[in-house]
Amino acid sequence: MELIVMNNLAKAIREKGMTQAQFAEKIGIDQSNVSKLCKQKSFTLQRLQEILEALNETDVSKVIRVVEIKK
């Protein structure tokens, strides 16, 4: 069994009607770091909480998705 975390942050930002620059301002980082976050495969719990708060989102599955692959 292998777990893969799929990052849906870019999609979540778009669905909230925000640009990466607007999202960056909400979490206090620059836009280039948001671009990097959108490519990451994992987040710390603290960063995930910041992301959810900035998106005004309570459903973590809208930001990340864990996929189980059975071998």
Protein backbone atom coordinates (compact mmCIF):
# COMPACT_ATOMS: atom_id res chain seq x y z
CA MET A 1 0.00 0.00 0.00
CA GLU A 2 1.25 3.44 -0.93
CA LEU A 3 -0.34 6.78 -0.07
CA ILE A 4 -0.02 9.70 -2.44
CA VAL A 5 -1.09 13.23 -1.54
CA MET A 6 -2.49 15.16 -4.47
CA ASN A 7 -2.40 18.93 -4.13
CA ASN A 8 -5.54 20.74 -5.30
CA LEU A 9 -4.55 24.15 -3.93
CA ALA A 10 -4.40 25.97 -7.28
CA LYS A 11 -7.88 24.69 -8.12
CA ALA A 12 -9.20 25.68 -4.68
CA ILE A 13 -7.81 29.21 -5.07
CA ARG A 14 -9.46 29.58 -8.49
CA GLU A 15 -12.77 28.21 -7.21
CA LYS A 16 -12.78 30.87 -4.48
CA GLY A 17 -12.39 33.53 -7.20
CA MET A 18 -8.93 34.58 -6.04
CA THR A 19 -5.67 35.06 -7.85
CA GLN A 20 -2.45 33.61 -6.44
CA ALA A 21 -1.41 37.17 -5.55
CA GLN A 22 -4.61 37.75 -3.56
CA PHE A 23 -4.21 34.42 -1.80
CA ALA A 24 -0.55 35.21 -1.05
CA GLU A 25 -1.57 38.45 0.64
CA LYS A 26 -4.08 36.59 2.84
CA ILE A 27 -1.47 34.15 4.17
CA GLY A 28 1.40 36.63 4.30
CA ILE A 29 3.75 35.24 1.66
CA ASP A 30 4.64 36.35 -1.85
CA GLN A 31 3.04 35.03 -5.01
CA SER A 32 6.09 33.00 -6.05
CA ASN A 33 5.81 31.03 -2.81
CA VAL A 34 2.12 30.37 -3.51
CA SER A 35 3.17 28.95 -6.86
CA LYS A 36 5.58 26.63 -5.01
CA LEU A 37 2.87 25.64 -2.52
CA CYS A 38 0.63 24.68 -5.44
CA LYS A 39 3.27 22.16 -6.56
CA GLN A 40 4.07 20.68 -3.14
CA LYS A 41 3.05 17.13 -2.32
CA SER A 42 2.61 17.76 1.41
CA PHE A 43 2.01 20.54 3.92
CA THR A 44 2.65 20.95 7.62
CA LEU A 45 -0.55 20.95 9.66
CA GLN A 46 0.07 24.60 10.54
CA ARG A 47 0.40 25.58 6.86
CA LEU A 48 -2.69 23.55 5.98
CA GLN A 49 -4.66 25.38 8.68
CA GLU A 50 -3.44 28.76 7.33
CA ILE A 51 -4.49 27.73 3.81
CA LEU A 52 -7.94 26.62 4.95
CA GLU A 53 -8.47 29.84 6.90
CA ALA A 54 -7.35 32.02 3.98
CA LEU A 55 -9.75 30.17 1.68
CA ASN A 56 -12.51 30.31 4.31
CA GLU A 57 -12.79 26.56 3.82
CA THR A 58 -13.51 23.80 6.33
CA ASP A 59 -13.32 20.86 3.90
CA VAL A 60 -9.67 19.79 3.67
CA SER A 61 -10.50 17.54 0.72
CA LYS A 62 -10.92 20.67 -1.40
CA VAL A 63 -7.23 21.44 -0.89
CA ILE A 64 -5.57 18.03 -0.69
CA ARG A 65 -6.57 14.53 -1.60
CA VAL A 66 -4.95 11.35 -0.32
CA VAL A 67 -4.92 8.48 -2.77
CA GLU A 68 -4.22 4.92 -1.67
CA ILE A 69 -2.54 2.68 -4.21
CA LYS A 70 -2.56 -1.02 -3.47
CA LYS A 71 0.29 -3.03 -4.91
